[in-house]
Amino acid sequence: MTEDELKNQFSNYERTVWIVNSIHGHFLKYYRKLLDCFDRFPRFPQANGEFLTPDFAVSFQSGFDIIGEVKRALGSNDVFLNQTYEQISKYDQPLKFRRVPDGPHERTSKAHDIVLFTNIEYAAKEAKKLRELIRSKKNLKQPVVIFSVAFDSQQT
């Protein structure tokens, strides 16, 4: 791996952590009384022994939940968009959420949204294409929300 590739990977990781921290802070500030658990980088166990690994999960006392995925870019071709679609499709099933960050995955969600955060600088056109792909397939039961975000170092 080249130095530039390592820098890019670190930058992607750093931005993902920054977004997850920001979202966590937002939920603590505005929804603390309704929140059961904000789970950073959870591992949802599957029947086949594998794990689903979104960037964060939020569970509320009401039984409503959020699965969050952060993507700096969505790729410039249909192959990458289809990979992202397949990834978020895996979250479109009943999932067991935690009540506390270190607790077991024990509460099956009554309903959850799948939220995808993309970088407005790198993924604006692709986010639109992904929305169109989701609408055209019409097979996801859970709502998918796509947010395009900017960083302080970027022009809004």
C-alpha atoms as a PDB file:
ATOM      1  CA  MET A   1       0.000   0.000   0.000  1.00  0.00           C
ATOM      2  CA  THR A   2       1.365   3.406  -0.939  1.00  0.00           C
ATOM      3  CA  GLU A   3       1.696   6.356   1.408  1.00  0.00           C
ATOM      4  CA  ASP A   4      -1.105   8.193  -0.436  1.00  0.00           C
ATOM      5  CA  GLU A   5      -3.435   5.211  -0.048  1.00  0.00           C
ATOM      6  CA  LEU A   6      -2.672   5.052   3.684  1.00  0.00           C
ATOM      7  CA  LYS A   7      -3.329   8.791   4.030  1.00  0.00           C
ATOM      8  CA  ASN A   8      -6.622   8.393   2.185  1.00  0.00           C
ATOM      9  CA  GLN A   9      -7.683   5.476   4.403  1.00  0.00           C
ATOM     10  CA  PHE A  10      -6.791   7.429   7.532  1.00  0.00           C
ATOM     11  CA  SER A  11      -8.670  10.484   6.257  1.00  0.00           C
ATOM     12  CA  ASN A  12     -11.755   8.351   5.566  1.00  0.00           C
ATOM     13  CA  TYR A  13     -11.551   6.791   9.027  1.00  0.00           C
ATOM     14  CA  GLU A  14     -11.037  10.179  10.703  1.00  0.00           C
ATOM     15  CA  ARG A  15     -14.038  11.687   8.915  1.00  0.00           C
ATOM     16  CA  THR A  16     -16.197   8.694   9.763  1.00  0.00           C
ATOM     17  CA  VAL A  17     -15.300   9.023  13.453  1.00  0.00           C
ATOM     18  CA  TRP A  18     -15.952  12.777  13.277  1.00  0.00           C
ATOM     19  CA  ILE A  19     -19.434  12.218  11.827  1.00  0.00           C
ATOM     20  CA  VAL A  20     -20.266   9.452  14.315  1.00  0.00           C
ATOM     21  CA  ASN A  21     -19.111  11.706  17.193  1.00  0.00           C
ATOM     22  CA  SER A  22     -21.228  14.587  15.876  1.00  0.00           C
ATOM     23  CA  ILE A  23     -24.326  12.429  15.540  1.00  0.00           C
ATOM     24  CA  HIS A  24     -23.784  10.962  18.997  1.00  0.00           C
ATOM     25  CA  GLY A  25     -23.489  14.465  20.465  1.00  0.00           C
ATOM     26  CA  HIS A  26     -26.669  15.545  18.681  1.00  0.00           C
ATOM     27  CA  PHE A  27     -28.655  12.614  20.075  1.00  0.00           C
ATOM     28  CA  LEU A  28     -27.321  13.190  23.592  1.00  0.00           C
ATOM     29  CA  LYS A  29     -28.199  16.881  23.457  1.00  0.00           C
ATOM     30  CA  TYR A  30     -31.688  16.618  21.981  1.00  0.00           C
ATOM     31  CA  TYR A  31     -32.932  13.072  22.630  1.00  0.00           C
ATOM     32  CA  ARG A  32     -31.206  11.924  25.831  1.00  0.00           C
ATOM     33  CA  LYS A  33     -34.486  11.167  27.622  1.00  0.00           C
ATOM     34  CA  LEU A  34     -35.742   9.048  24.717  1.00  0.00           C
ATOM     35  CA  LEU A  35     -32.479   7.260  23.982  1.00  0.00           C
ATOM     36  CA  ASP A  36     -31.737   3.706  25.046  1.00  0.00           C
ATOM     37  CA  CYS A  37     -28.343   3.292  23.397  1.00  0.00           C
ATOM     38  CA  PHE A  38     -25.994   4.906  20.906  1.00  0.00           C
ATOM     39  CA  ASP A  39     -23.813   2.069  19.675  1.00  0.00           C
ATOM     40  CA  ARG A  40     -20.576   2.988  17.861  1.00  0.00           C
ATOM     41  CA  PHE A  41     -19.342   0.513  15.270  1.00  0.00           C
ATOM     42  CA  PRO A  42     -21.655  -2.302  16.441  1.00  0.00           C
ATOM     43  CA  ARG A  43     -21.537  -5.898  15.295  1.00  0.00           C
ATOM     44  CA  PHE A  44     -25.028  -7.297  14.698  1.00  0.00           C
ATOM     45  CA  PRO A  45     -24.890 -11.111  14.908  1.00  0.00           C
ATOM     46  CA  GLN A  46     -26.548 -13.008  12.064  1.00  0.00           C
ATOM     47  CA  ALA A  47     -27.965 -16.539  11.998  1.00  0.00           C
ATOM     48  CA  ASN A  48     -25.130 -17.680   9.705  1.00  0.00           C
ATOM     49  CA  GLY A  49     -22.476 -16.689  12.281  1.00  0.00           C
ATOM     50  CA  GLU A  50     -21.441 -13.546  10.405  1.00  0.00           C
ATOM     51  CA  PHE A  51     -21.925  -9.947  11.533  1.00  0.00           C
ATOM     52  CA  LEU A  52     -23.398  -6.790  10.065  1.00  0.00           C
ATOM     53  CA  THR A  53     -21.141  -3.852  10.885  1.00  0.00           C
ATOM     54  CA  PRO A  54     -22.731  -0.436  10.367  1.00  0.00           C
ATOM     55  CA  ASP A  55     -20.869   2.637  11.582  1.00  0.00           C
ATOM     56  CA  PHE A  56     -23.434   3.267  14.321  1.00  0.00           C
ATOM     57  CA  ALA A  57     -26.805   2.174  15.630  1.00  0.00           C
ATOM     58  CA  VAL A  58     -29.257   4.115  17.747  1.00  0.00           C
ATOM     59  CA  SER A  59     -32.015   2.529  19.777  1.00  0.00           C
ATOM     60  CA  PHE A  60     -34.822   4.459  21.404  1.00  0.00           C
ATOM     61  CA  GLN A  61     -37.037   3.505  24.314  1.00  0.00           C
ATOM     62  CA  SER A  62     -40.045   3.566  21.974  1.00  0.00           C
ATOM     63  CA  GLY A  63     -38.654   0.628  19.982  1.00  0.00           C
ATOM     64  CA  PHE A  64     -37.722   2.768  16.988  1.00  0.00           C
ATOM     65  CA  ASP A  65     -34.123   2.437  15.834  1.00  0.00           C
ATOM     66  CA  ILE A  66     -31.590   3.784  13.339  1.00  0.00           C
ATOM     67  CA  ILE A  67     -28.801   2.032  11.460  1.00  0.00           C
ATOM     68  CA  GLY A  68     -26.163   4.496  10.259  1.00  0.00           C
ATOM     69  CA  GLU A  69     -23.543   4.136   7.575  1.00  0.00           C
ATOM     70  CA  VAL A  70     -20.973   6.811   6.619  1.00  0.00           C
ATOM     71  CA  LYS A  71     -19.549   6.904   3.091  1.00  0.00           C
ATOM     72  CA  ARG A  72     -17.074   9.511   1.921  1.00  0.00           C
ATOM     73  CA  ALA A  73     -17.782   8.576  -1.686  1.00  0.00           C
ATOM     74  CA  LEU A  74     -20.162   6.228  -3.433  1.00  0.00           C
ATOM     75  CA  GLY A  75     -17.990   5.493  -6.440  1.00  0.00           C
ATOM     76  CA  SER A  76     -18.275   6.888  -9.895  1.00  0.00           C
ATOM     77  CA  ASN A  77     -19.835   3.887 -11.580  1.00  0.00           C
ATOM     78  CA  ASP A  78     -22.797   1.563 -11.205  1.00  0.00           C
ATOM     79  CA  VAL A  79     -20.687  -1.265  -9.740  1.00  0.00           C
ATOM     80  CA  PHE A  80     -19.889   0.772  -6.632  1.00  0.00           C
ATOM     81  CA  LEU A  81     -23.462   2.067  -6.330  1.00  0.00           C
ATOM     82  CA  ASN A  82     -24.754  -1.497  -6.515  1.00  0.00           C
ATOM     83  CA  GLN A  83     -22.265  -2.545  -3.811  1.00  0.00           C
ATOM     84  CA  THR A  84     -23.548   0.243  -1.547  1.00  0.00           C
ATOM     85  CA  TYR A  85     -27.130  -0.769  -2.312  1.00  0.00           C
ATOM     86  CA  GLU A  86     -26.354  -4.399  -1.460  1.00  0.00           C
ATOM     87  CA  GLN A  87     -24.689  -3.318   1.785  1.00  0.00           C
ATOM     88  CA  ILE A  88     -27.645  -1.257   2.970  1.00  0.00           C
ATOM     89  CA  SER A  89     -30.044  -3.990   1.793  1.00  0.00           C
ATOM     90  CA  LYS A  90     -28.523  -6.291   4.406  1.00  0.00           C
ATOM     91  CA  TYR A  91     -29.833  -3.910   7.094  1.00  0.00           C
ATOM     92  CA  ASP A  92     -33.376  -4.318   5.739  1.00  0.00           C
ATOM     93  CA  GLN A  93     -34.369  -7.110   8.092  1.00  0.00           C
ATOM     94  CA  PRO A  94     -35.387  -7.481  11.728  1.00  0.00           C
ATOM     95  CA  LEU A  95     -32.279  -6.653  13.768  1.00  0.00           C
ATOM     96  CA  LYS A  96     -31.540  -7.146  17.434  1.00  0.00           C
ATOM     97  CA  PHE A  97     -30.425  -3.899  19.077  1.00  0.00           C
ATOM     98  CA  ARG A  98     -28.685  -3.279  22.366  1.00  0.00           C
ATOM     99  CA  ARG A  99     -30.165  -1.413  25.300  1.00  0.00           C
ATOM    100  CA  VAL A 100     -26.660  -0.432  26.490  1.00  0.00           C
ATOM    101  CA  PRO A 101     -23.426  -0.194  24.444  1.00  0.00           C
ATOM    102  CA  ASP A 102     -21.732  -3.211  26.058  1.00  0.00           C
ATOM    103  CA  GLY A 103     -24.896  -5.268  26.477  1.00  0.00           C
ATOM    104  CA  PRO A 104     -26.162  -8.147  24.374  1.00  0.00           C
ATOM    105  CA  HIS A 105     -28.115  -7.677  21.162  1.00  0.00           C
ATOM    106  CA  GLU A 106     -31.453  -8.706  22.621  1.00  0.00           C
ATOM    107  CA  ARG A 107     -34.254  -6.350  21.554  1.00  0.00           C
ATOM    108  CA  THR A 108     -35.649  -6.973  18.079  1.00  0.00           C
ATOM    109  CA  SER A 109     -36.476  -3.689  16.401  1.00  0.00           C
ATOM    110  CA  LYS A 110     -40.123  -2.945  15.654  1.00  0.00           C
ATOM    111  CA  ALA A 111     -39.011  -0.461  12.991  1.00  0.00           C
ATOM    112  CA  HIS A 112     -35.747   1.144  11.958  1.00  0.00           C
ATOM    113  CA  ASP A 113     -34.491   3.624   9.426  1.00  0.00           C
ATOM    114  CA  ILE A 114     -31.343   3.028   7.416  1.00  0.00           C
ATOM    115  CA  VAL A 115     -29.415   6.304   7.276  1.00  0.00           C
ATOM    116  CA  LEU A 116     -26.524   6.869   4.899  1.00  0.00           C
ATOM    117  CA  PHE A 117     -24.251   9.901   5.314  1.00  0.00           C
ATOM    118  CA  THR A 118     -22.296  10.894   2.211  1.00  0.00           C
ATOM    119  CA  ASN A 119     -19.776  13.631   1.525  1.00  0.00           C
ATOM    120  CA  ILE A 120     -21.357  16.432  -0.497  1.00  0.00           C
ATOM    121  CA  GLU A 121     -18.037  17.196  -2.192  1.00  0.00           C
ATOM    122  CA  TYR A 122     -17.441  13.647  -3.435  1.00  0.00           C
ATOM    123  CA  ALA A 123     -20.865  12.045  -3.732  1.00  0.00           C
ATOM    124  CA  ALA A 124     -23.616  14.527  -4.654  1.00  0.00           C
ATOM    125  CA  LYS A 125     -24.382  13.063  -8.112  1.00  0.00           C
ATOM    126  CA  GLU A 126     -23.893   9.507  -6.903  1.00  0.00           C
ATOM    127  CA  ALA A 127     -26.249  10.025  -3.943  1.00  0.00           C
ATOM    128  CA  LYS A 128     -28.946  11.062  -6.419  1.00  0.00           C
ATOM    129  CA  LYS A 129     -28.263   7.921  -8.495  1.00  0.00           C
ATOM    130  CA  LEU A 130     -28.444   5.766  -5.350  1.00  0.00           C
ATOM    131  CA  ARG A 131     -31.808   7.315  -4.404  1.00  0.00           C
ATOM    132  CA  GLU A 132     -33.071   6.510  -7.902  1.00  0.00           C
ATOM    133  CA  LEU A 133     -31.753   2.928  -7.619  1.00  0.00           C
ATOM    134  CA  ILE A 134     -33.541   2.440  -4.285  1.00  0.00           C
ATOM    135  CA  ARG A 135     -36.800   3.827  -5.707  1.00  0.00           C
ATOM    136  CA  SER A 136     -36.569   1.701  -8.852  1.00  0.00           C
ATOM    137  CA  LYS A 137     -36.004  -1.596  -7.026  1.00  0.00           C
ATOM    138  CA  LYS A 138     -38.913  -1.016  -4.605  1.00  0.00           C
ATOM    139  CA  ASN A 139     -37.944  -4.007  -2.477  1.00  0.00           C
ATOM    140  CA  LEU A 140     -36.681  -2.416   0.753  1.00  0.00           C
ATOM    141  CA  LYS A 141     -39.157  -2.507   3.620  1.00  0.00           C
ATOM    142  CA  GLN A 142     -37.268  -0.115   5.904  1.00  0.00           C
ATOM    143  CA  PRO A 143     -36.940   3.565   4.926  1.00  0.00           C
ATOM    144  CA  VAL A 144     -33.556   4.689   3.598  1.00  0.00           C
ATOM    145  CA  VAL A 145     -32.456   8.270   4.274  1.00  0.00           C
ATOM    146  CA  ILE A 146     -29.443   9.740   2.472  1.00  0.00           C
ATOM    147  CA  PHE A 147     -27.791  12.850   3.940  1.00  0.00           C
ATOM    148  CA  SER A 148     -25.066  14.730   2.122  1.00  0.00           C
ATOM    149  CA  VAL A 149     -22.788  16.461   4.620  1.00  0.00           C
ATOM    150  CA  ALA A 150     -19.937  18.954   4.408  1.00  0.00           C
ATOM    151  CA  PHE A 151     -16.975  19.390   6.727  1.00  0.00           C
ATOM    152  CA  ASP A 152     -15.757  22.661   8.256  1.00  0.00           C
ATOM    153  CA  SER A 153     -12.772  22.590   5.915  1.00  0.00           C
ATOM    154  CA  GLN A 154     -15.063  22.397   2.871  1.00  0.00           C
ATOM    155  CA  GLN A 155     -17.214  25.074   1.342  1.00  0.00           C
ATOM    156  CA  THR A 156     -20.864  24.377   1.981  1.00  0.00           C
END
